[in-house]
C-alpha cells in the first residue's frame, strides 16, 4: 500500500472548515446568528448589538456580569455631581432672608434619589435595582468610535458600540430623569415657599440647572473614560480646595467659630463625607485591615486648617511685617 492509502486508513481527514476573513478593528466582532448544540453560526464582521461586546475571538458576547465596587463608586460620583451643583446654586441664590433653602435642598435630594432609582429600574434587567454590565478593561473601551478600522484606507467599518455597557449611557438616562423631575417639582415648590426672594431671584437656581446639565452631559460624553479613572482624585482635590475656601470666606479660625452656626458644621461634615468617599474610591477597600485605617485621615485637613489659621491671618502678617520694618 502506498503512502496515500496509509494516510487514508490510519487517520481521519479533518472536516471542512468555513474560513472567514479576519475581523479587523479592536472592537469589531461577529454576532451569533444561530446556536445548534455546541455549534454556533456567526454573521459578518461589524458592530456588536447594544448590551454585547467582543471577546478574545472577536465574537459578540452578551454582557452578563455585574458592576464591581469601583463601578458603583463611579456611578455614585456621577450621580452626586448634579446634586452638589443643585445645593450650591440653591445656597448661592437663596439669600440670607429666605427660609426656603432647606426645603429646596431636600427637594433636590428627592429629585436625584428618585431619578437614580428609576434609572436602575428601567435598565436591563428591567424592574430590578441590579444591572448587568460588561467589565471595563482599558481606557479605549470608553471611546470605541476612535477605533473603527479602514481595511483599504478608503472604506471605514463602523464598529462603534458601548463596550462598557451600561456605564456610559446610564449616566445620560439619569441626567434626563433629573431634569424632568426638576421641571415638574421644583417650580411649584419655589413658587409657594420662596416668599423671601424677589420674583426674578426665586427661579435662578432652576435656571442654573438648565445650564449645568448640558455641561455635565458634554463632560460625560467627552470625558467619561477619563473621569472613570480620575474621579477619586478629583473628589479629594475639590473637597480640600472648597473646604479651605469656605472656611476662609466664613472667617473660621477656631473650633469655637465652627460651633457658632450649625450651617458650618453641616458643611464640614459634608466635606468629610466627600473625603471618605474619595479615600474609599482610591483604596476600593480590597484589604479592610489596611484600608479602613486610612479613613482616620478624613478630619486631618480641617484640623490642620484650624490649627494653622491664626498664623496665616493676613492682618497679623501685615502687622508683623510693619513692625519688622
Foldseek 3Di string as FASTA:
>chain_A
DDPVVCVVPVDPDDDDDDDDDDQDWPWWAWEFDDDDPPDTDTDDTAAADAQWTQDPRRYTDGQAAFDDLLLVLLVVLLLCVLLVLLLVLLVVLLDPQAPCSVVSNVLLVVQSVVLLQCLCCCEPVHRDNTHGWADDDDLCLLPRQVTFDDPPVPDTGGHDYNNGPPSQCSSVSSLVSSLVSCVVPVVVSLVPRSPVDDPVRSCVSVVVSVPVSVVSNVCSSPPVSVCSVCVLVVLQVVLLVVLLVVCVVQVPQAPVSCVVDVVSVVSLVVSLVSNLSSLCSVVVCPDVVPRVVVSVCSCVSVVVCNVCVVVPDPVVVVVVVVVVD
